[in-house]
């Protein structure tokens, strides 16, 4: 019995290791408000957007709707080693932070992505993904995650 549960545990932890590896390089950039501000103003590499796309499980269309940019454009920027503008950089960093919290609460990016597409009582029965395209929406989702983490669901 112990032999069969050990490989299962290893399989379950592999995605989390990959998710953590995608988030880790960006954590210091959003750790506090000053880091977030300075990192955003400096501009992230376009690779950050591609890393977020891999982490989030968003389809190309979901990514494009949320970030108001084309994936093909981001790929071109990445191949040219171009930086993203401050607004897009900030939204990406806040989204990395949001996914870090979501993964912590729901156990995986996939489970968090599923929650993002389910109406949420604490958000007035709105679908969290539908409000993630604004900074205020991201903040409201963060607040809802904090309520969920503390068991304040009503």
N, C-alpha and C. Protein backbone atom coordinates (compact mmCIF):
# COMPACT_ATOMS: atom_id res chain seq x y z
N UNK A 1 0.83 -1.19 0.00
CA UNK A 1 0.00 0.00 0.00
C UNK A 1 0.87 1.25 0.00
N UNK A 2 1.92 1.26 0.81
CA UNK A 2 2.81 2.42 0.86
C UNK A 2 3.54 2.60 -0.47
N UNK A 3 3.81 1.50 -1.15
CA UNK A 3 4.50 1.58 -2.43
C UNK A 3 3.64 2.26 -3.49
N UNK A 4 2.34 1.94 -3.51
CA UNK A 4 1.47 2.54 -4.53
C UNK A 4 1.16 4.01 -4.23
N UNK A 5 1.12 4.40 -2.96
CA UNK A 5 0.81 5.79 -2.68
C UNK A 5 2.01 6.71 -2.94
N UNK A 6 3.22 6.19 -2.83
CA UNK A 6 4.38 7.02 -3.05
C UNK A 6 4.49 7.50 -4.50
N UNK A 7 4.37 6.63 -5.52
CA UNK A 7 4.40 7.13 -6.89
C UNK A 7 3.25 8.11 -7.16
N UNK A 8 2.09 7.85 -6.58
CA UNK A 8 0.96 8.77 -6.77
C UNK A 8 1.31 10.15 -6.24
N UNK A 9 1.92 10.20 -5.05
CA UNK A 9 2.33 11.48 -4.48
C UNK A 9 3.32 12.19 -5.40
N UNK A 10 4.26 11.47 -5.94
CA UNK A 10 5.24 12.08 -6.83
C UNK A 10 4.58 12.66 -8.07
N UNK A 11 3.62 11.94 -8.64
CA UNK A 11 2.91 12.45 -9.81
C UNK A 11 2.14 13.71 -9.48
N UNK A 12 1.51 13.75 -8.32
CA UNK A 12 0.72 14.91 -7.92
C UNK A 12 1.61 16.13 -7.66
N UNK A 13 2.82 15.91 -7.18
CA UNK A 13 3.66 17.05 -6.83
C UNK A 13 4.43 17.62 -8.04
N UNK A 14 4.53 16.88 -9.11
CA UNK A 14 5.27 17.38 -10.27
C UNK A 14 4.67 18.66 -10.84
N UNK A 15 3.37 18.73 -11.06
CA UNK A 15 2.83 19.99 -11.56
C UNK A 15 3.08 21.16 -10.61
N UNK A 16 2.98 20.90 -9.30
CA UNK A 16 3.21 21.97 -8.34
C UNK A 16 4.65 22.47 -8.41
N UNK A 17 5.59 21.56 -8.64
CA UNK A 17 7.00 21.95 -8.78
C UNK A 17 7.16 22.82 -10.02
N UNK A 18 6.53 22.43 -11.12
CA UNK A 18 6.60 23.21 -12.35
C UNK A 18 5.94 24.57 -12.16
N UNK A 19 4.80 24.61 -11.47
CA UNK A 19 4.12 25.88 -11.21
C UNK A 19 5.00 26.79 -10.36
N UNK A 20 5.60 26.23 -9.31
CA UNK A 20 6.47 27.01 -8.44
C UNK A 20 7.67 27.55 -9.22
N UNK A 21 8.19 26.75 -10.13
CA UNK A 21 9.35 27.18 -10.93
C UNK A 21 8.98 28.34 -11.86
N UNK A 22 7.75 28.37 -12.33
CA UNK A 22 7.32 29.48 -13.18
C UNK A 22 7.08 30.76 -12.38
N UNK A 23 6.63 30.62 -11.14
CA UNK A 23 6.33 31.79 -10.30
C UNK A 23 7.59 32.36 -9.66
N UNK A 24 8.49 31.50 -9.22
CA UNK A 24 9.65 31.90 -8.41
C UNK A 24 10.44 33.09 -8.94
N UNK A 25 10.76 33.16 -10.24
CA UNK A 25 11.57 34.30 -10.70
C UNK A 25 10.85 35.66 -10.56
N UNK A 26 9.53 35.63 -10.45
CA UNK A 26 8.76 36.87 -10.42
C UNK A 26 8.38 37.30 -9.00
N UNK A 27 8.47 36.39 -8.03
CA UNK A 27 8.08 36.71 -6.65
C UNK A 27 8.78 37.95 -6.10
N UNK A 28 10.10 38.09 -6.25
CA UNK A 28 10.74 39.29 -5.70
C UNK A 28 10.25 40.59 -6.36
N UNK A 29 9.69 40.48 -7.56
CA UNK A 29 9.26 41.66 -8.30
C UNK A 29 7.91 42.19 -7.82
N UNK A 30 7.14 41.36 -7.08
CA UNK A 30 5.85 41.82 -6.56
C UNK A 30 5.73 41.62 -5.05
N UNK A 31 6.84 41.33 -4.40
CA UNK A 31 6.84 41.05 -2.96
C UNK A 31 6.27 42.19 -2.13
N UNK A 32 6.53 43.41 -2.53
CA UNK A 32 6.00 44.57 -1.83
C UNK A 32 5.65 45.63 -2.88
N UNK A 33 4.95 46.66 -2.45
CA UNK A 33 4.45 47.67 -3.39
C UNK A 33 5.56 48.41 -4.13
N UNK A 34 6.65 48.69 -3.46
CA UNK A 34 7.77 49.40 -4.11
C UNK A 34 8.41 48.52 -5.17
N UNK A 35 8.63 47.25 -4.86
CA UNK A 35 9.19 46.32 -5.85
C UNK A 35 8.27 46.21 -7.05
N UNK A 36 6.96 46.11 -6.79
CA UNK A 36 5.97 46.03 -7.86
C UNK A 36 6.02 47.28 -8.74
N UNK A 37 6.06 48.43 -8.12
CA UNK A 37 6.12 49.69 -8.86
C UNK A 37 7.38 49.79 -9.71
N UNK A 38 8.51 49.55 -9.11
CA UNK A 38 9.79 49.69 -9.83
C UNK A 38 9.92 48.65 -10.94
N UNK A 39 9.50 47.43 -10.67
CA UNK A 39 9.57 46.37 -11.68
C UNK A 39 8.65 46.68 -12.85
N UNK A 40 7.46 47.19 -12.54
CA UNK A 40 6.50 47.54 -13.59
C UNK A 40 7.03 48.67 -14.45
N UNK A 41 7.57 49.70 -13.81
CA UNK A 41 8.08 50.84 -14.56
C UNK A 41 9.28 50.47 -15.43
N UNK A 42 10.07 49.51 -14.95
CA UNK A 42 11.23 49.04 -15.73
C UNK A 42 10.78 48.19 -16.91
N UNK A 43 9.63 47.57 -16.76
CA UNK A 43 9.10 46.70 -17.82
C UNK A 43 9.64 45.29 -17.70
N UNK A 44 8.72 44.35 -17.76
CA UNK A 44 9.10 42.93 -17.75
C UNK A 44 9.53 42.51 -19.14
N UNK A 45 10.32 41.47 -19.20
CA UNK A 45 10.62 40.87 -20.50
C UNK A 45 9.33 40.23 -21.01
N UNK A 46 9.18 40.15 -22.30
CA UNK A 46 7.99 39.54 -22.89
C UNK A 46 7.88 38.07 -22.49
N UNK A 47 8.99 37.44 -22.14
CA UNK A 47 8.98 36.05 -21.69
C UNK A 47 8.09 35.89 -20.47
N UNK A 48 7.96 36.92 -19.64
CA UNK A 48 7.10 36.85 -18.46
C UNK A 48 5.66 36.57 -18.87
N UNK A 49 5.20 37.20 -19.94
CA UNK A 49 3.84 36.98 -20.41
C UNK A 49 3.66 35.54 -20.88
N UNK A 50 4.67 35.00 -21.55
CA UNK A 50 4.60 33.61 -22.01
C UNK A 50 4.66 32.65 -20.83
N UNK A 51 5.45 33.00 -19.80
CA UNK A 51 5.50 32.18 -18.58
C UNK A 51 4.13 32.18 -17.90
N UNK A 52 3.49 33.36 -17.85
CA UNK A 52 2.17 33.43 -17.22
C UNK A 52 1.16 32.61 -18.02
N UNK A 53 1.24 32.68 -19.32
CA UNK A 53 0.33 31.90 -20.17
C UNK A 53 0.49 30.41 -19.87
N UNK A 54 1.72 29.94 -19.71
CA UNK A 54 1.98 28.53 -19.37
C UNK A 54 1.45 28.19 -17.98
N UNK A 55 1.68 29.06 -17.02
CA UNK A 55 1.25 28.82 -15.65
C UNK A 55 -0.27 28.79 -15.53
N UNK A 56 -0.91 29.77 -16.13
CA UNK A 56 -2.34 30.01 -15.90
C UNK A 56 -3.25 28.96 -16.52
N UNK A 57 -2.81 28.36 -17.60
CA UNK A 57 -3.69 27.45 -18.32
C UNK A 57 -4.72 28.20 -19.16
N UNK A 58 -4.57 29.50 -19.27
CA UNK A 58 -5.47 30.30 -20.09
C UNK A 58 -5.31 29.89 -21.55
N UNK A 59 -6.40 29.90 -22.27
CA UNK A 59 -6.31 29.74 -23.72
C UNK A 59 -5.74 31.05 -24.27
N UNK A 60 -5.33 31.03 -25.52
CA UNK A 60 -4.83 32.26 -26.15
C UNK A 60 -5.90 33.36 -26.08
N UNK A 61 -7.15 32.98 -26.32
CA UNK A 61 -8.24 33.96 -26.31
C UNK A 61 -8.45 34.53 -24.91
N UNK A 62 -8.40 33.68 -23.89
CA UNK A 62 -8.55 34.16 -22.51
C UNK A 62 -7.42 35.13 -22.17
N UNK A 63 -6.20 34.78 -22.55
CA UNK A 63 -5.05 35.65 -22.28
C UNK A 63 -5.25 36.99 -22.98
N UNK A 64 -5.62 36.94 -24.23
CA UNK A 64 -5.79 38.16 -25.02
C UNK A 64 -6.92 39.02 -24.46
N UNK A 65 -8.01 38.42 -24.01
CA UNK A 65 -9.11 39.17 -23.40
C UNK A 65 -8.69 39.82 -22.09
N UNK A 66 -7.95 39.09 -21.30
CA UNK A 66 -7.54 39.58 -19.98
C UNK A 66 -6.48 40.68 -20.08
N UNK A 67 -5.51 40.49 -20.95
CA UNK A 67 -4.36 41.40 -21.00
C UNK A 67 -4.42 42.40 -22.15
N UNK A 68 -5.47 42.31 -22.95
CA UNK A 68 -5.68 43.26 -24.05
C UNK A 68 -4.47 43.38 -24.97
N UNK A 69 -3.88 42.23 -25.26
CA UNK A 69 -2.76 42.16 -26.19
C UNK A 69 -2.82 40.82 -26.90
N UNK A 70 -2.17 40.75 -28.03
CA UNK A 70 -2.19 39.55 -28.86
C UNK A 70 -1.01 38.66 -28.49
N UNK A 71 -1.25 37.37 -28.39
CA UNK A 71 -0.18 36.42 -28.06
C UNK A 71 0.91 36.47 -29.13
N UNK A 72 0.54 36.60 -30.37
CA UNK A 72 1.53 36.68 -31.46
C UNK A 72 2.46 37.89 -31.25
N UNK A 73 1.89 39.01 -30.82
CA UNK A 73 2.70 40.21 -30.53
C UNK A 73 3.68 39.91 -29.41
N UNK A 74 3.20 39.25 -28.36
CA UNK A 74 4.07 38.90 -27.22
C UNK A 74 5.19 37.97 -27.69
N UNK A 75 4.87 37.01 -28.54
CA UNK A 75 5.89 36.10 -29.06
C UNK A 75 6.93 36.86 -29.86
N UNK A 76 6.50 37.83 -30.65
CA UNK A 76 7.44 38.66 -31.42
C UNK A 76 8.33 39.47 -30.48
N UNK A 77 7.73 40.06 -29.44
CA UNK A 77 8.52 40.81 -28.46
C UNK A 77 9.55 39.89 -27.80
N UNK A 78 9.13 38.68 -27.47
CA UNK A 78 10.05 37.74 -26.81
C UNK A 78 11.21 37.37 -27.73
N UNK A 79 10.92 37.17 -29.00
CA UNK A 79 12.00 36.80 -29.92
C UNK A 79 12.96 37.97 -30.15
N UNK A 80 12.47 39.20 -29.93
CA UNK A 80 13.33 40.40 -30.06
C UNK A 80 13.90 40.85 -28.73
N UNK A 81 13.65 40.09 -27.67
CA UNK A 81 14.06 40.45 -26.31
C UNK A 81 13.54 41.83 -25.90
N UNK A 82 12.34 42.15 -26.32
CA UNK A 82 11.74 43.44 -25.99
C UNK A 82 11.08 43.38 -24.62
N UNK A 83 10.92 44.57 -24.04
CA UNK A 83 10.25 44.68 -22.74
C UNK A 83 8.81 45.11 -22.95
N UNK A 84 7.97 44.77 -21.99
CA UNK A 84 6.56 45.15 -22.00
C UNK A 84 6.40 46.52 -21.36
N UNK A 85 5.31 47.21 -21.68
CA UNK A 85 5.08 48.51 -21.08
C UNK A 85 4.72 48.35 -19.60
N UNK A 86 4.73 49.47 -18.88
CA UNK A 86 4.52 49.46 -17.42
C UNK A 86 3.16 48.88 -17.04
N UNK A 87 2.12 49.25 -17.75
CA UNK A 87 0.78 48.79 -17.41
C UNK A 87 0.63 47.28 -17.56
N UNK A 88 1.09 46.75 -18.67
CA UNK A 88 1.02 45.31 -18.90
C UNK A 88 1.92 44.58 -17.91
N UNK A 89 3.10 45.13 -17.63
CA UNK A 89 4.01 44.52 -16.66
C UNK A 89 3.37 44.45 -15.29
N UNK A 90 2.71 45.54 -14.88
CA UNK A 90 2.06 45.55 -13.58
C UNK A 90 0.92 44.53 -13.51
N UNK A 91 0.11 44.47 -14.56
CA UNK A 91 -1.01 43.53 -14.57
C UNK A 91 -0.50 42.08 -14.52
N UNK A 92 0.60 41.81 -15.22
CA UNK A 92 1.18 40.47 -15.18
C UNK A 92 1.70 40.13 -13.79
N UNK A 93 2.41 41.07 -13.16
CA UNK A 93 2.94 40.80 -11.83
C UNK A 93 1.82 40.59 -10.82
N UNK A 94 0.77 41.38 -10.90
CA UNK A 94 -0.38 41.21 -10.02
C UNK A 94 -1.07 39.86 -10.30
N UNK A 95 -1.06 39.45 -11.55
CA UNK A 95 -1.66 38.17 -11.92
C UNK A 95 -0.81 37.00 -11.42
N UNK A 96 0.52 37.13 -11.48
CA UNK A 96 1.40 36.10 -10.90
C UNK A 96 1.12 35.98 -9.41
N UNK A 97 1.00 37.11 -8.73
CA UNK A 97 0.71 37.11 -7.30
C UNK A 97 -0.64 36.46 -7.02
N UNK A 98 -1.63 36.79 -7.84
CA UNK A 98 -2.96 36.21 -7.70
C UNK A 98 -2.91 34.70 -7.87
N UNK A 99 -2.19 34.22 -8.87
CA UNK A 99 -2.08 32.78 -9.10
C UNK A 99 -1.30 32.10 -7.98
N UNK A 100 -0.31 32.78 -7.43
CA UNK A 100 0.41 32.20 -6.30
C UNK A 100 -0.57 31.94 -5.15
N UNK A 101 -1.41 32.93 -4.84
CA UNK A 101 -2.41 32.77 -3.78
C UNK A 101 -3.42 31.69 -4.15
N UNK A 102 -3.88 31.72 -5.39
CA UNK A 102 -4.87 30.74 -5.84
C UNK A 102 -4.34 29.32 -5.77
N UNK A 103 -3.10 29.12 -6.15
CA UNK A 103 -2.48 27.78 -6.09
C UNK A 103 -2.36 27.34 -4.64
N UNK A 104 -1.99 28.28 -3.77
CA UNK A 104 -1.87 27.96 -2.35
C UNK A 104 -3.21 27.50 -1.78
N UNK A 105 -4.28 28.16 -2.18
CA UNK A 105 -5.62 27.85 -1.64
C UNK A 105 -6.24 26.62 -2.31
N UNK A 106 -6.14 26.54 -3.64
CA UNK A 106 -6.83 25.47 -4.38
C UNK A 106 -5.95 24.27 -4.70
N UNK A 107 -4.64 24.39 -4.50
CA UNK A 107 -3.75 23.24 -4.67
C UNK A 107 -3.07 23.13 -6.01
N UNK A 108 -3.60 23.79 -7.03
CA UNK A 108 -2.96 23.76 -8.35
C UNK A 108 -3.48 24.92 -9.19
N UNK A 109 -2.72 25.26 -10.20
CA UNK A 109 -3.16 26.32 -11.12
C UNK A 109 -4.42 25.87 -11.87
N UNK A 110 -4.49 24.59 -12.18
CA UNK A 110 -5.66 24.08 -12.90
C UNK A 110 -6.93 24.24 -12.05
N UNK A 111 -6.84 23.87 -10.77
CA UNK A 111 -8.00 24.01 -9.88
C UNK A 111 -8.37 25.48 -9.70
N UNK A 112 -7.38 26.33 -9.60
CA UNK A 112 -7.64 27.77 -9.46
C UNK A 112 -8.29 28.31 -10.74
N UNK A 113 -7.79 27.87 -11.88
CA UNK A 113 -8.36 28.29 -13.17
C UNK A 113 -9.83 27.89 -13.25
N UNK A 114 -10.15 26.70 -12.75
CA UNK A 114 -11.54 26.25 -12.74
C UNK A 114 -12.38 27.17 -11.85
N UNK A 115 -11.85 27.53 -10.67
CA UNK A 115 -12.57 28.42 -9.78
C UNK A 115 -12.78 29.79 -10.44
N UNK A 116 -11.76 30.26 -11.16
CA UNK A 116 -11.88 31.56 -11.84
C UNK A 116 -13.04 31.58 -12.83
N UNK A 117 -13.46 30.44 -13.30
CA UNK A 117 -14.53 30.35 -14.29
C UNK A 117 -15.86 29.89 -13.69
N UNK A 118 -15.98 30.01 -12.37
CA UNK A 118 -17.20 29.63 -11.65
C UNK A 118 -17.74 30.86 -10.93
N UNK A 119 -19.05 31.13 -11.03
CA UNK A 119 -19.61 32.29 -10.31
C UNK A 119 -19.25 32.23 -8.83
N UNK A 120 -18.88 33.39 -8.28
CA UNK A 120 -18.44 33.47 -6.90
C UNK A 120 -19.42 34.30 -6.08
N UNK A 121 -19.89 33.72 -5.00
CA UNK A 121 -20.84 34.39 -4.11
C UNK A 121 -20.28 35.74 -3.63
N UNK A 122 -19.03 35.74 -3.19
CA UNK A 122 -18.39 36.94 -2.64
C UNK A 122 -18.15 38.03 -3.66
N UNK A 123 -18.31 37.70 -4.92
CA UNK A 123 -18.15 38.69 -6.00
C UNK A 123 -19.49 39.00 -6.65
N UNK A 124 -20.55 38.85 -5.89
CA UNK A 124 -21.88 39.12 -6.42
C UNK A 124 -22.29 38.14 -7.50
N UNK A 125 -21.85 36.91 -7.34
CA UNK A 125 -22.14 35.81 -8.29
C UNK A 125 -21.55 36.06 -9.68
N UNK A 126 -20.55 36.95 -9.74
CA UNK A 126 -19.84 37.15 -11.01
C UNK A 126 -18.79 36.06 -11.18
N UNK A 127 -18.42 35.84 -12.42
CA UNK A 127 -17.34 34.90 -12.72
C UNK A 127 -16.03 35.66 -12.56
N UNK A 128 -15.16 35.24 -11.63
CA UNK A 128 -13.92 35.98 -11.38
C UNK A 128 -13.12 36.29 -12.65
N UNK A 129 -13.03 35.32 -13.55
CA UNK A 129 -12.26 35.55 -14.78
C UNK A 129 -12.77 36.79 -15.53
N UNK A 130 -14.07 37.03 -15.50
CA UNK A 130 -14.67 38.15 -16.23
C UNK A 130 -14.26 39.52 -15.70
N UNK A 131 -13.77 39.58 -14.45
CA UNK A 131 -13.35 40.86 -13.90
C UNK A 131 -11.83 40.97 -13.76
N UNK A 132 -11.13 39.93 -14.18
CA UNK A 132 -9.68 39.90 -14.04
C UNK A 132 -8.96 40.82 -15.02
N UNK A 133 -9.69 41.42 -15.95
CA UNK A 133 -9.06 42.28 -16.94
C UNK A 133 -8.80 43.70 -16.43
N UNK A 134 -9.22 44.00 -15.19
CA UNK A 134 -8.96 45.32 -14.60
C UNK A 134 -8.18 45.15 -13.30
N UNK A 135 -7.49 46.20 -12.90
CA UNK A 135 -6.75 46.16 -11.64
C UNK A 135 -7.71 46.03 -10.46
N UNK A 136 -8.85 46.71 -10.52
CA UNK A 136 -9.85 46.60 -9.46
C UNK A 136 -10.38 45.18 -9.38
N UNK A 137 -10.62 44.56 -10.53
CA UNK A 137 -11.08 43.17 -10.55
C UNK A 137 -10.08 42.24 -9.90
N UNK A 138 -8.81 42.42 -10.21
CA UNK A 138 -7.76 41.59 -9.61
C UNK A 138 -7.77 41.76 -8.09
N UNK A 139 -7.91 43.01 -7.64
CA UNK A 139 -7.96 43.29 -6.20
C UNK A 139 -9.16 42.61 -5.54
N UNK A 140 -10.32 42.68 -6.20
CA UNK A 140 -11.52 42.02 -5.65
C UNK A 140 -11.34 40.50 -5.58
N UNK A 141 -10.69 39.93 -6.58
CA UNK A 141 -10.43 38.48 -6.58
C UNK A 141 -9.46 38.14 -5.44
N UNK A 142 -8.42 38.97 -5.24
CA UNK A 142 -7.49 38.76 -4.14
C UNK A 142 -8.23 38.77 -2.80
N UNK A 143 -9.13 39.74 -2.63
CA UNK A 143 -9.90 39.83 -1.39
C UNK A 143 -10.78 38.60 -1.19
N UNK A 144 -11.38 38.11 -2.27
CA UNK A 144 -12.21 36.90 -2.19
C UNK A 144 -11.35 35.70 -1.81
N UNK A 145 -10.13 35.61 -2.35
CA UNK A 145 -9.23 34.51 -1.99
C UNK A 145 -8.87 34.56 -0.51
N UNK A 146 -8.67 35.75 0.02
CA UNK A 146 -8.37 35.89 1.44
C UNK A 146 -9.56 35.40 2.28
N UNK A 147 -10.77 35.78 1.85
CA UNK A 147 -11.97 35.31 2.58
C UNK A 147 -12.06 33.78 2.53
N UNK A 148 -11.79 33.21 1.37
CA UNK A 148 -11.83 31.74 1.23
C UNK A 148 -10.78 31.09 2.12
N UNK A 149 -9.57 31.66 2.13
CA UNK A 149 -8.49 31.10 2.94
C UNK A 149 -8.84 31.09 4.42
N UNK A 150 -9.59 32.10 4.87
CA UNK A 150 -9.97 32.18 6.28
C UNK A 150 -11.34 31.56 6.56
N UNK A 151 -11.93 30.94 5.54
CA UNK A 151 -13.19 30.24 5.74
C UNK A 151 -14.40 31.16 5.83
N UNK A 152 -14.25 32.41 5.39
CA UNK A 152 -15.35 33.38 5.43
C UNK A 152 -16.07 33.35 4.10
N UNK A 153 -16.89 32.33 3.88
CA UNK A 153 -17.54 32.14 2.59
C UNK A 153 -18.92 32.76 2.51
N UNK A 154 -19.46 33.21 3.62
CA UNK A 154 -20.82 33.79 3.60
C UNK A 154 -20.80 35.28 3.79
